[in-house]
Structures are given as C-alpha cells and as structure tokens.
Protein backbone atom coordinates (compact mmCIF):
# COMPACT_ATOMS: atom_id res chain seq x y z
CA MET A 1 9.33 -59.40 -10.49
CA ASN A 2 7.35 -56.17 -10.46
CA GLN A 3 9.23 -52.98 -10.92
CA GLN A 4 8.42 -50.29 -8.44
CA SER A 5 7.08 -47.23 -10.18
CA ALA A 6 8.58 -43.86 -9.35
CA PRO A 7 6.54 -41.85 -6.88
CA ALA A 8 4.32 -39.27 -8.50
CA ALA A 9 5.53 -35.70 -8.29
CA PRO A 10 3.64 -33.69 -5.69
CA PRO A 11 1.15 -31.25 -7.17
CA ALA A 12 2.46 -27.73 -7.63
CA THR A 13 1.29 -25.25 -5.02
CA VAL A 14 1.64 -21.53 -4.43
CA SER A 15 1.08 -19.40 -1.36
CA ARG A 16 -2.10 -17.55 -0.54
CA ALA A 17 -0.17 -14.30 -1.10
CA THR A 18 0.45 -15.35 -4.71
CA TRP A 19 -3.27 -15.75 -5.32
CA PHE A 20 -3.84 -12.31 -3.81
CA ALA A 21 -1.17 -10.98 -6.16
CA LEU A 22 -3.13 -12.49 -9.06
CA VAL A 23 -6.21 -10.60 -7.87
CA ILE A 24 -4.22 -7.36 -8.07
CA LEU A 25 -3.08 -8.15 -11.61
CA LEU A 26 -6.63 -9.01 -12.65
CA ALA A 27 -7.90 -5.74 -11.16
CA GLY A 28 -5.65 -3.99 -13.66
CA VAL A 29 -6.87 -6.23 -16.49
CA PHE A 30 -10.46 -5.49 -15.48
CA MET A 31 -9.89 -1.72 -15.60
CA ALA A 32 -8.06 -1.72 -18.93
CA LEU A 33 -10.61 -3.88 -20.75
CA LEU A 34 -13.63 -2.24 -19.11
CA ASP A 35 -12.45 1.09 -20.50
CA THR A 36 -12.39 -0.28 -24.03
CA THR A 37 -16.20 -0.67 -24.01
CA ILE A 38 -17.65 1.38 -21.15
CA VAL A 39 -17.04 4.65 -22.99
CA ASN A 40 -19.10 3.65 -26.04
CA VAL A 41 -22.43 4.43 -24.35
CA SER A 42 -20.94 7.69 -23.01
CA ILE A 43 -20.13 9.06 -26.46
CA PRO A 44 -23.51 10.75 -27.13
CA THR A 45 -23.57 12.39 -23.68
CA ILE A 46 -19.99 13.64 -24.16
CA ARG A 47 -21.17 15.08 -27.47
CA THR A 48 -23.90 17.15 -25.83
CA SER A 49 -22.13 17.95 -22.55
CA LEU A 50 -18.90 19.30 -24.10
CA GLY A 51 -20.37 20.35 -27.43
CA ALA A 52 -17.82 17.98 -28.95
CA SER A 53 -17.31 17.68 -32.68
CA GLU A 54 -18.01 14.50 -34.62
CA SER A 55 -14.30 13.77 -34.95
CA THR A 56 -13.84 14.10 -31.19
CA LEU A 57 -16.19 11.18 -30.61
CA SER A 58 -14.04 8.92 -32.78
CA TRP A 59 -10.82 10.15 -31.18
CA VAL A 60 -12.06 9.38 -27.66
CA ILE A 61 -12.20 5.68 -28.56
CA SER A 62 -9.61 5.40 -31.35
CA GLY A 63 -6.99 7.44 -29.48
CA TYR A 64 -7.25 5.11 -26.48
CA ALA A 65 -7.04 1.95 -28.60
CA LEU A 66 -4.11 3.17 -30.70
CA ALA A 67 -2.02 4.32 -27.73
CA TYR A 68 -2.85 1.11 -25.87
CA GLY A 69 -1.70 -1.05 -28.77
CA LEU A 70 1.51 0.87 -29.40
CA ALA A 71 2.57 0.61 -25.75
CA LEU A 72 2.29 -3.18 -25.47
CA ILE A 73 5.57 -4.30 -27.05
CA PRO A 74 7.93 -1.61 -25.66
CA ALA A 75 6.41 -2.11 -22.20
CA GLY A 76 7.44 -5.74 -22.40
CA ARG A 77 10.98 -4.75 -23.38
CA VAL A 78 11.26 -2.28 -20.49
CA GLY A 79 9.85 -4.87 -18.08
CA ASP A 80 12.49 -7.37 -19.19
CA ARG A 81 15.14 -4.84 -18.28
CA TYR A 82 13.88 -3.16 -15.09
CA GLY A 83 11.34 -5.59 -13.67
CA HIS A 84 7.74 -6.21 -14.65
CA LYS A 85 6.48 -5.30 -11.18
CA TRP A 86 7.67 -1.71 -11.51
CA VAL A 87 6.33 -1.33 -15.03
CA PHE A 88 2.94 -2.63 -13.84
CA ILE A 89 2.86 -0.21 -10.90
CA ALA A 90 3.97 2.77 -12.98
CA GLY A 91 1.44 2.06 -15.72
CA LEU A 92 -1.44 1.42 -13.32
CA ALA A 93 -0.68 4.58 -11.33
CA LEU A 94 -0.60 6.64 -14.54
CA PHE A 95 -3.84 5.01 -15.71
CA THR A 96 -5.56 5.89 -12.42
CA VAL A 97 -4.41 9.52 -12.55
CA ALA A 98 -5.39 9.78 -16.23
CA SER A 99 -8.85 8.39 -15.41
CA LEU A 100 -9.35 11.13 -12.83
CA ALA A 101 -8.13 13.75 -15.29
CA CYS A 102 -10.48 12.47 -18.03
CA GLY A 103 -13.40 12.93 -15.66
CA LEU A 104 -12.31 16.51 -14.99
CA ALA A 105 -11.72 17.48 -18.65
CA GLN A 106 -13.23 20.85 -19.55
CA ASN A 107 -13.21 20.56 -23.33
CA ASP A 108 -12.87 18.03 -26.11
CA VAL A 109 -9.16 18.70 -26.74
CA GLN A 110 -8.30 17.96 -23.12
CA LEU A 111 -10.41 14.80 -23.16
CA ILE A 112 -8.74 13.45 -26.32
CA ALA A 113 -5.24 14.10 -24.96
CA LEU A 114 -6.05 12.50 -21.62
CA ARG A 115 -7.67 9.47 -23.28
CA VAL A 116 -4.46 8.94 -25.25
CA VAL A 117 -2.49 9.07 -21.98
CA GLN A 118 -4.96 6.64 -20.41
CA GLY A 119 -4.60 4.24 -23.33
CA LEU A 120 -0.81 4.50 -23.21
CA ALA A 121 -0.88 3.69 -19.50
CA GLY A 122 -3.25 0.75 -20.10
CA GLY A 123 -0.85 -0.75 -22.62
CA ILE A 124 2.09 -0.21 -20.25
CA PHE A 125 0.61 -2.13 -17.32
CA PHE A 126 -1.22 -4.80 -19.33
CA THR A 127 1.93 -6.36 -20.78
CA PRO A 128 3.58 -7.20 -17.42
CA VAL A 129 0.48 -9.12 -16.32
CA THR A 130 1.32 -12.07 -18.58
CA ALA A 131 5.00 -11.99 -17.62
CA LEU A 132 4.22 -11.91 -13.89
CA ILE A 133 1.76 -14.80 -14.13
CA GLN A 134 4.47 -16.80 -15.90
CA LEU A 135 6.84 -15.89 -13.07
CA MET A 136 4.51 -16.58 -10.15
CA PHE A 137 2.71 -19.78 -11.17
CA PRO A 138 4.24 -23.17 -12.05
CA GLY A 139 2.87 -25.92 -14.29
CA ARG A 140 -0.85 -26.51 -14.29
CA LEU A 141 -1.50 -23.65 -11.90
CA ARG A 142 -0.18 -21.31 -14.58
CA GLY A 143 -2.83 -22.60 -16.97
CA LYS A 144 -5.49 -22.08 -14.31
CA ALA A 145 -4.29 -18.51 -13.72
CA PHE A 146 -4.42 -17.73 -17.44
CA ALA A 147 -7.91 -19.24 -17.65
CA ILE A 148 -9.06 -16.90 -14.85
CA MET A 149 -7.43 -14.02 -16.70
CA GLY A 150 -9.29 -14.95 -19.90
CA ALA A 151 -12.59 -15.03 -18.02
CA THR A 152 -11.81 -11.61 -16.52
CA ILE A 153 -11.14 -10.18 -19.98
CA GLY A 154 -14.43 -11.51 -21.31
CA PHE A 155 -16.43 -10.42 -18.28
CA SER A 156 -15.00 -6.88 -18.11
CA THR A 157 -15.41 -6.28 -21.85
CA ALA A 158 -18.99 -7.54 -21.73
CA LEU A 159 -19.82 -5.54 -18.60
CA GLY A 160 -18.65 -2.21 -20.05
CA PRO A 161 -21.73 -0.93 -21.95
CA LEU A 162 -24.20 -1.90 -19.20
CA THR A 163 -21.99 -0.39 -16.46
CA GLY A 164 -21.62 2.83 -18.44
CA GLY A 165 -25.37 3.03 -18.91
CA LEU A 166 -26.06 2.47 -15.21
CA ILE A 167 -23.55 5.14 -14.16
CA ILE A 168 -24.96 7.75 -16.56
CA GLU A 169 -28.49 6.85 -15.47
CA ALA A 170 -27.48 7.37 -11.82
CA PHE A 171 -25.52 10.63 -12.22
CA GLY A 172 -27.35 12.24 -15.14
CA ALA A 173 -26.49 12.89 -18.77
CA ASP A 174 -24.45 16.05 -18.10
CA ASP A 175 -22.02 14.66 -15.51
CA GLY A 176 -22.56 10.91 -15.70
CA TRP A 177 -19.90 10.44 -18.39
CA ARG A 178 -17.33 11.92 -15.98
CA TRP A 179 -18.08 9.19 -13.43
CA VAL A 180 -17.61 6.58 -16.15
CA PHE A 181 -13.91 7.48 -16.00
CA GLU A 182 -13.69 8.12 -12.28
CA VAL A 183 -15.06 4.68 -11.38
CA ASN A 184 -11.46 3.52 -11.91
CA LEU A 185 -10.14 5.57 -8.97
CA PRO A 186 -10.93 3.33 -5.97
CA ILE A 187 -9.86 0.18 -7.84
CA GLY A 188 -6.66 1.80 -9.07
CA VAL A 189 -5.59 3.28 -5.73
CA VAL A 190 -6.09 0.00 -3.85
CA ALA A 191 -4.42 -2.05 -6.61
CA VAL A 192 -1.34 0.21 -6.79
CA ALA A 193 -0.87 0.14 -3.01
CA ALA A 194 -1.28 -3.64 -2.83
CA ALA A 195 1.04 -4.22 -5.79
CA PHE A 196 4.00 -2.80 -3.82
CA TRP A 197 3.54 -5.51 -1.19
CA LEU A 198 2.39 -8.53 -3.13
CA LEU A 199 4.07 -8.61 -6.55
CA PRO A 200 7.50 -10.26 -6.93
CA SER A 201 10.30 -7.75 -7.47
CA ARG A 202 12.86 -9.69 -9.47
CA ALA A 203 13.19 -8.87 -13.14
CA GLU A 204 13.36 -11.40 -15.92
CA GLY A 205 15.18 -11.41 -19.21
CA SER A 206 18.32 -9.77 -20.41
CA ARG A 207 19.60 -6.65 -18.71
CA ASP A 208 21.08 -5.33 -21.93
CA ALA A 209 17.88 -5.75 -23.94
CA GLY A 210 17.03 -2.30 -25.28
CA ALA A 211 13.75 -1.19 -26.79
CA ASP A 212 13.53 -0.23 -30.45
CA TRP A 213 12.50 3.39 -29.89
CA ILE A 214 13.17 4.54 -33.45
CA GLY A 215 10.93 1.76 -34.73
CA LEU A 216 8.23 2.78 -32.26
CA VAL A 217 8.41 6.42 -33.42
CA LEU A 218 8.17 5.39 -37.08
CA ILE A 219 5.15 3.08 -36.65
CA ALA A 220 3.39 5.46 -34.25
CA GLY A 221 3.95 8.39 -36.61
CA GLY A 222 2.71 6.39 -39.58
CA LEU A 223 -0.45 5.21 -37.85
CA VAL A 224 -1.28 8.66 -36.49
CA ALA A 225 -0.70 10.17 -39.93
CA LEU A 226 -3.23 7.69 -41.32
CA LEU A 227 -5.79 8.01 -38.51
CA VAL A 228 -5.88 11.81 -38.32
CA PRO A 229 -7.30 12.29 -41.85
CA LEU A 230 -9.62 9.30 -41.47
CA ILE A 231 -11.13 10.91 -38.37
CA GLN A 232 -10.84 14.62 -39.22
CA GLY A 233 -11.27 14.45 -42.99
CA GLN A 234 -15.05 14.14 -43.09
CA ASP A 235 -15.45 16.90 -40.50
CA GLN A 236 -13.36 19.29 -42.60
CA GLY A 237 -14.50 18.34 -46.09
CA TRP A 238 -11.42 16.31 -47.06
CA PRO A 239 -8.97 19.17 -47.71
CA GLU A 240 -5.64 18.57 -49.48
CA TRP A 241 -3.71 17.99 -46.25
CA THR A 242 -5.70 14.84 -45.49
CA TYR A 243 -4.42 13.11 -48.62
CA LEU A 244 -0.87 14.32 -47.99
CA SER A 245 -1.09 12.99 -44.43
CA MET A 246 -2.25 9.56 -45.57
CA ALA A 247 0.57 9.41 -48.14
CA GLY A 248 3.05 10.38 -45.43
CA GLY A 249 1.63 7.71 -43.14
CA VAL A 250 2.14 5.03 -45.76
CA ALA A 251 5.72 6.26 -46.31
CA LEU A 252 6.48 6.09 -42.57
CA ILE A 253 5.09 2.55 -42.30
CA VAL A 254 7.22 1.47 -45.27
CA GLY A 255 10.19 3.15 -43.59
CA PHE A 256 9.36 1.24 -40.40
CA ALA A 257 9.49 -2.07 -42.30
CA PHE A 258 12.94 -1.25 -43.71
CA TRP A 259 14.17 -0.08 -40.31
CA GLU A 260 13.05 -3.30 -38.61
CA ARG A 261 14.94 -5.34 -41.22
CA ARG A 262 18.05 -3.25 -40.57
CA VAL A 263 17.81 -3.68 -36.79
CA ALA A 264 17.42 -7.44 -37.19
CA ARG A 265 20.33 -7.63 -39.66
CA LEU A 266 22.59 -5.80 -37.18
CA GLY A 267 21.69 -8.25 -34.39
CA GLY A 268 19.40 -5.88 -32.44
CA ARG A 269 15.90 -6.47 -31.06
CA PRO A 270 13.38 -5.02 -33.52
CA LEU A 271 9.98 -3.96 -32.26
CA VAL A 272 8.35 -6.35 -34.76
CA PRO A 273 10.74 -9.17 -35.77
CA PRO A 274 10.64 -9.27 -39.60
CA HIS A 275 11.35 -13.01 -39.78
CA LEU A 276 7.91 -13.74 -38.31
CA PHE A 277 6.35 -12.68 -41.59
CA VAL A 278 8.31 -15.31 -43.50
CA HIS A 279 5.45 -17.58 -42.40
CA ALA A 280 2.59 -16.85 -44.81
CA SER A 281 0.06 -18.22 -42.32
CA PHE A 282 1.30 -15.86 -39.61
CA THR A 283 0.95 -12.89 -41.97
CA GLY A 284 -2.59 -13.97 -42.81
CA GLY A 285 -3.37 -14.44 -39.11
CA VAL A 286 -2.11 -10.96 -38.24
CA VAL A 287 -4.24 -9.42 -41.00
CA LEU A 288 -7.17 -11.47 -39.67
CA ALA A 289 -6.65 -10.10 -36.15
CA PHE A 290 -6.56 -6.54 -37.52
CA VAL A 291 -9.68 -6.93 -39.67
CA TYR A 292 -11.70 -8.82 -37.05
CA PHE A 293 -11.16 -6.22 -34.33
CA ALA A 294 -11.98 -3.47 -36.83
CA ALA A 295 -15.26 -5.27 -37.51
CA PHE A 296 -16.70 -6.15 -34.12
CA THR A 297 -15.57 -3.19 -31.97
CA SER A 298 -17.03 -0.65 -34.40
CA ILE A 299 -20.62 -1.92 -34.18
CA PHE A 300 -21.02 -0.67 -30.59
CA PHE A 301 -19.98 2.83 -31.63
CA SER A 302 -22.63 2.89 -34.37
CA VAL A 303 -25.39 1.41 -32.19
CA ALA A 304 -24.71 3.82 -29.30
CA LEU A 305 -24.92 6.88 -31.55
CA LEU A 306 -28.02 5.64 -33.36
CA TRP A 307 -29.92 4.75 -30.18
CA GLN A 308 -29.01 7.83 -28.15
CA ALA A 309 -28.37 10.67 -30.61
CA GLY A 310 -30.85 9.39 -33.19
CA LEU A 311 -33.65 7.65 -31.30
CA GLY A 312 -33.37 9.66 -28.08
CA ALA A 313 -32.82 6.61 -25.85
CA SER A 314 -30.93 6.81 -22.58
CA ALA A 315 -27.40 5.50 -22.07
CA LEU A 316 -28.83 2.65 -19.99
CA GLN A 317 -31.25 1.68 -22.75
CA SER A 318 -28.36 1.77 -25.23
CA GLY A 319 -26.31 -0.48 -22.95
CA LEU A 320 -29.21 -2.94 -22.65
CA VAL A 321 -29.55 -3.12 -26.44
CA VAL A 322 -26.04 -4.56 -26.80
CA LEU A 323 -26.32 -6.78 -23.70
CA PRO A 324 -27.16 -9.88 -25.81
CA PHE A 325 -23.75 -9.61 -27.45
CA ALA A 326 -22.11 -9.60 -24.02
CA VAL A 327 -24.13 -12.62 -22.90
CA GLY A 328 -23.33 -14.49 -26.10
CA SER A 329 -19.65 -13.65 -25.80
CA ILE A 330 -19.48 -15.16 -22.32
CA ILE A 331 -21.30 -18.30 -23.52
CA GLY A 332 -19.05 -18.71 -26.54
CA ALA A 333 -15.82 -18.08 -24.62
CA SER A 334 -16.75 -20.56 -21.88
CA GLN A 335 -16.76 -23.43 -24.37
CA SER A 336 -14.23 -22.22 -26.94
CA ASP A 337 -11.04 -23.81 -25.60
CA GLN A 338 -12.56 -27.29 -25.26
CA LEU A 339 -14.22 -27.07 -28.66
CA ALA A 340 -11.07 -25.74 -30.33
CA SER A 341 -8.93 -28.52 -28.86
CA ARG A 342 -11.40 -31.08 -30.22
CA PHE A 343 -12.42 -29.62 -33.58
CA GLY A 344 -9.51 -27.28 -34.34
CA ARG A 345 -9.86 -24.39 -36.80
CA THR A 346 -13.45 -25.31 -37.59
CA VAL A 347 -14.54 -23.75 -34.29
CA LEU A 348 -12.88 -20.44 -35.17
CA LEU A 349 -14.44 -20.47 -38.63
CA VAL A 350 -17.87 -21.11 -37.13
CA GLY A 351 -17.26 -18.23 -34.72
CA LEU A 352 -16.19 -15.88 -37.52
CA GLY A 353 -19.19 -16.99 -39.56
CA LEU A 354 -21.60 -16.26 -36.72
CA VAL A 355 -20.11 -12.78 -36.26
CA ALA A 356 -20.46 -12.07 -39.98
CA VAL A 357 -24.05 -13.35 -40.03
CA GLY A 358 -24.89 -11.33 -36.91
CA ILE A 359 -23.52 -8.05 -38.26
CA ILE A 360 -25.11 -8.58 -41.69
CA ALA A 361 -28.44 -9.23 -39.94
CA ILE A 362 -28.10 -5.97 -38.01
CA TRP A 363 -27.41 -4.18 -41.27
CA LEU A 364 -30.51 -5.76 -42.85
CA VAL A 365 -32.62 -4.61 -39.90
CA LEU A 366 -31.39 -1.04 -40.39
CA VAL A 367 -32.08 -1.26 -44.12
CA THR A 368 -35.60 -2.68 -43.85
CA VAL A 369 -37.08 -1.23 -40.64
CA ALA A 370 -38.24 2.38 -40.55
CA PRO A 371 -36.13 4.46 -38.11
CA THR A 372 -39.18 5.44 -36.09
CA SER A 373 -40.08 1.75 -35.66
CA LEU A 374 -36.66 0.51 -34.54
CA HIS A 375 -36.67 -1.40 -31.27
CA GLY A 376 -33.89 -3.14 -29.40
CA TRP A 377 -35.70 -6.48 -29.73
CA TYR A 378 -34.98 -6.45 -33.47
CA LEU A 379 -31.26 -6.72 -32.71
CA THR A 380 -31.45 -9.31 -29.92
CA ILE A 381 -30.89 -12.45 -32.01
CA PRO A 382 -28.26 -10.92 -34.36
CA LEU A 383 -26.27 -9.57 -31.41
CA LEU A 384 -26.59 -12.84 -29.47
CA LEU A 385 -25.31 -14.81 -32.48
CA GLY A 386 -22.50 -12.35 -33.02
CA GLY A 387 -21.57 -12.51 -29.35
CA VAL A 388 -21.44 -16.32 -29.30
CA GLY A 389 -19.26 -16.23 -32.41
CA SER A 390 -17.00 -13.58 -30.96
CA GLY A 391 -16.48 -15.59 -27.79
CA MET A 392 -15.72 -18.72 -29.81
CA PHE A 393 -13.11 -16.85 -31.85
CA ILE A 394 -11.39 -14.40 -29.49
CA ALA A 395 -10.44 -16.81 -26.71
CA PRO A 396 -8.46 -19.33 -28.82
CA ASN A 397 -7.50 -17.22 -31.87
CA ALA A 398 -4.11 -16.05 -30.57
CA ASP A 399 -3.05 -19.68 -29.97
CA PHE A 400 -3.83 -20.55 -33.58
CA ILE A 401 -1.94 -17.55 -34.98
CA VAL A 402 1.07 -18.19 -32.73
CA ALA A 403 1.01 -21.83 -33.88
CA THR A 404 2.05 -20.64 -37.35
CA VAL A 405 5.56 -19.75 -36.11
CA ASP A 406 8.32 -21.65 -34.32
CA ARG A 407 7.84 -22.24 -30.59
CA ALA A 408 10.85 -20.06 -29.75
CA GLU A 409 9.15 -17.12 -31.48
CA ALA A 410 5.85 -17.43 -29.57
CA GLY A 411 6.50 -14.51 -27.20
CA ALA A 412 7.32 -12.04 -29.97
CA ALA A 413 4.39 -13.29 -32.05
CA SER A 414 1.96 -12.81 -29.14
CA GLY A 415 3.14 -9.22 -28.68
CA VAL A 416 2.59 -8.44 -32.35
CA ILE A 417 -0.91 -9.95 -32.27
CA GLY A 418 -1.95 -7.93 -29.20
CA THR A 419 -0.73 -4.71 -30.79
CA VAL A 420 -2.42 -5.40 -34.13
CA GLN A 421 -5.74 -6.15 -32.39
CA ARG A 422 -5.78 -2.73 -30.70
CA ILE A 423 -4.71 -0.93 -33.87
CA GLY A 424 -7.50 -2.73 -35.70
CA SER A 425 -9.98 -1.41 -33.14
CA ALA A 426 -8.67 2.13 -33.64
CA VAL A 427 -8.86 1.95 -37.43
CA GLY A 428 -12.30 0.34 -37.34
CA ILE A 429 -13.72 3.16 -35.22
CA ALA A 430 -12.01 5.77 -37.40
CA VAL A 431 -13.38 4.34 -40.65
CA THR A 432 -16.92 3.61 -39.48
CA GLY A 433 -17.12 6.93 -37.66
CA SER A 434 -16.13 8.77 -40.82
CA VAL A 435 -18.71 6.81 -42.83
CA LEU A 436 -21.47 7.31 -40.25
CA PHE A 437 -21.01 11.07 -39.90
CA GLY A 438 -20.38 11.47 -43.63
CA ASN A 439 -23.79 9.98 -44.39
CA LEU A 440 -25.92 11.87 -41.88
CA ASP A 441 -28.87 13.19 -43.87
CA PHE A 442 -30.79 16.03 -42.23
CA THR A 443 -32.79 16.98 -45.33
CA THR A 444 -35.92 15.57 -43.69
CA ARG A 445 -37.50 18.05 -41.28
CA GLY A 446 -39.71 17.44 -38.29
CA PRO A 447 -39.58 15.52 -34.99
CA ASP A 448 -38.14 12.40 -36.65
CA ALA A 449 -35.28 14.19 -38.39
CA ALA A 450 -32.56 12.93 -36.01
CA ALA A 451 -33.83 9.33 -36.12
CA ILE A 452 -33.85 9.31 -39.92
CA ALA A 453 -30.46 10.99 -40.20
CA PHE A 454 -28.63 8.73 -37.75
CA SER A 455 -30.35 5.63 -39.09
CA HIS A 456 -29.11 6.52 -42.57
CA GLY A 457 -25.55 7.07 -41.33
CA ALA A 458 -25.54 3.99 -39.10
CA THR A 459 -26.78 1.80 -41.97
CA TYR A 460 -23.74 2.71 -44.07
CA ALA A 461 -21.40 2.32 -41.08
CA MET A 462 -22.84 -1.10 -40.27
CA GLY A 463 -22.35 -2.08 -43.90
CA VAL A 464 -18.64 -1.31 -43.52
CA SER A 465 -18.48 -3.39 -40.32
CA ALA A 466 -20.20 -6.25 -42.16
CA GLY A 467 -17.63 -6.01 -44.94
CA PHE A 468 -14.81 -6.27 -42.40
CA ALA A 469 -16.53 -9.30 -40.83
CA VAL A 470 -16.90 -11.14 -44.15
CA LEU A 471 -13.24 -10.47 -44.96
CA ALA A 472 -12.26 -11.78 -41.51
CA PHE A 473 -14.19 -15.01 -42.18
CA ALA A 474 -12.31 -15.49 -45.46
CA LEU A 475 -8.97 -14.86 -43.73
CA GLY A 476 -9.84 -17.50 -41.13
CA PHE A 477 -8.83 -20.16 -43.65
CA THR A 478 -5.20 -18.96 -43.43
CA LEU A 479 -4.95 -20.33 -39.88
CA PRO A 480 -3.54 -23.80 -39.25
CA LYS A 481 -6.03 -26.61 -38.68
CA ARG A 482 -4.65 -27.22 -35.20
CA ALA A 483 -3.06 -24.89 -32.62
CA VAL A 484 0.07 -26.98 -32.19
CA ALA A 485 3.32 -25.05 -32.44
C-alpha cells in the first residue's frame, strides 16, 4: 500500500510593497558604497580648487571610511533597541544633509569634518539594511534579496570612479567635485520619504540591550590617534607629537581589549565579543579582511593622483583607466558564490592571488615605463585581473570568516568583519598616502617635472599596496576549506 506523501509547502511570497521597500534599502546601499569610490577621482580637483594640503586628500577618504566602520556595530545595537527602521531613516537623512554640506564646503577643514559626518551616517544606516531584509523576507526569498544586495554593492562600488569622472567632466574641474557629493540629494530625499511609508516599524531584539559606548570611545580614540600621525606626519616632517600620538593610540587599543574582556566577564554586551578571538582561524580571517581592504582600496587613490596631478589627465580619463578593475570585479563576483560552494577556499585563494599579481604588475609598469610614456592601456590587463580576483574574494569572504566561529556567534562576527574592512580601507589610504607624498621628487625641472615626481611617489605607494596584497594572500590559508558553520 502506497503511503501518501505530505503536500509540499507553498512557496514563500511577499507583497509588492515589500519589494518596493527593498528598493529603498538598496538605494541607501548604493549611495553609501558609491561614495567609497566616487571621491577618488575628485581628489586632485579638490586639491586645486580648495588649495588643500596633501594630508587633506588622505583625510577626505580615510575619515569617511573610519567613521563608517566605527558606526556599524553600535548602529546595530541601537536598532535592536529602538527599531531598525528609525535608525535607517535617521542615518540616511543625516547622510543626505552631510552630502549637501560637503558640496558647499568652503575650505579643507570643513570638508574633512563633513566627510567624517557623512561616513558616520553611512555606517548608521547601512547596518539596519541587513536586519530589515532578515525581517521582511522569509526562506529562499531572503537569499534572493541578499543576492540582489550583493550585486548592488558590486555595481555601485564599480560605478564610482567613472561616475565621478563624468560629473567633473560635465561641471568642470573647479565645481565638479561639489556635484560629486550633491548627486546624493535626489536619491536621499526620495528614499527617506519612501522609507516612512514602506519599511516595517517593529523593532527586533532585546529592549534592554545597551551599546558599549565606553568601548566605542576607546577604540575610536585609539584609531584616530594612530591615523592622525600617519596622515599628518609626512606633511609636518614627523615632529615628536606624531610618535607620542601613535604610542597613545596603541595604549588606547590595548585598553579597549581589556575593557571588552571586563564587559564580557560582567555579563554585558561588548562592542567586540572577546570570545570570538579564541578561534585562531577567526583571528586570522579578521586580519586578512583588514589587510586586503588596505591593499585594494589604496590603489585607486594612487592612480587618481598620478594620472591627474602628475600626467595632467582629466577626471574622466582617470576614471576610465580604472574601469577594467570595475568590469573584472563584476565578472568575478557574478561567479564567486557558485565557484566557492563547489571548490571552497581554493576560489578565495585564486582571487587573492590574482589581486596580488595585478597590483605587482601595476607596480612593475610604474618601475619600468618612463612617466612621460605612461598610458592607461598599460594597466588594462593588471587591473582586469585584479578586479576579477577582487570579485571572487569579496563576495564570499565574509561567509568563510564567519564559518570559523559557532553559528550562534555569526551576527557578532559579521559586525566585526564589516568594521575591520572599513578600518583597513582607512589605514591603507593613510599609509599609502603618506608614502606617496613623502616620495614626491621635484628635483627635476621642466614640463615633465610633475609627471616624474608623482610617478616616483606612486611607484613607492603601489609597492606598499602590493606588499599588503601578498600578505593577504598568505593569510588566506587561515580560512577554513569550506564555509560551513
């Protein structure tokens, strides 16, 4: 006698309004990630328009990345308590206002301060996106929503340099950089208004879950104390205060580690749960995330300055030079999940290897080709290879790092990884910027002086990026062979 099988569960569905709500969330994701790369091609025009110092150029990017990273974890804690919808709206509204203010900045000090506010706001509204997708979408639809989010991240990051170049080309070198920031206004205003109507209001998590504000102050103070001398030191000739600041930064970070252990011992909710680092593979994965983002984000800073300030190219031409990396990143990311599920860690190692090979090849081009003979075509293949590798690595890497800890710790581990990635970007820009400007050599006179000087500085900076990339490849072996928690 045949047993009757149970009827299959009906496929999960959501309303059309929920999909529209996802569009609003992705609009925020698009803005936040676009602003991590769109400003790179604006740096040389900001330099000439505001008469900005060398350190200002590093702060415009590093300040955004650092503030963004530091806001991610506490924003999640606040969202758990008061509702992720309201944190998203508040952060997106602040980001939109800060974008307008950045475009209106009258000097470099104002621009740096407003970029920090913009980065802080980006970190605030980015964290609730993941929580709200978890809340709004069931089962397989949740996976589909996260896949769309991943594609949006890749697309917006890749689109940044070209968009920045087009805007500056359209509005001119003097004022075009202002429109690079103000392009966020129409998207932000519409997204904030729509978020009130479409996003679910109920909060998730524990109402008595407080944020670790003392821990946040300690780690923020330590990182700023380290970044300030890295960025300002070269500009000011490395005075005594720079070394004292770095020593103080290390002391604050050590104090942060002890504080987090104390909070955990007393049953509180530390900003970074210390027990995660009991897993040696997780520690290695976090260091990998830091080093990798320091490596690949810094190359765009060096290329933009070399092409525009050194070779006299336009912002659009500079954006087109790095376009192969964007194309490669999209190609690599589109196949990364399927390849990683089939071949495991090998795919990530291949990706890291391609990035290292690509950056080393760029460095070799700068070493061997005369500055006056440099052409964007020389970098096409290295950037394409690096982009494919980056796409292969970035999309699945968080899953592999999270797989090193217990399943119940996945949320906390993901927050730590996101923060470390942004801090890595900030440190990478700070270090390579200091190296680039510290090695500018204007001893050669004549019409090619700028090309020679910036080529010399960029060669050293690219060597540092290559070193980071090789170290990231070596750290890739600390990841588990399969992303199974």
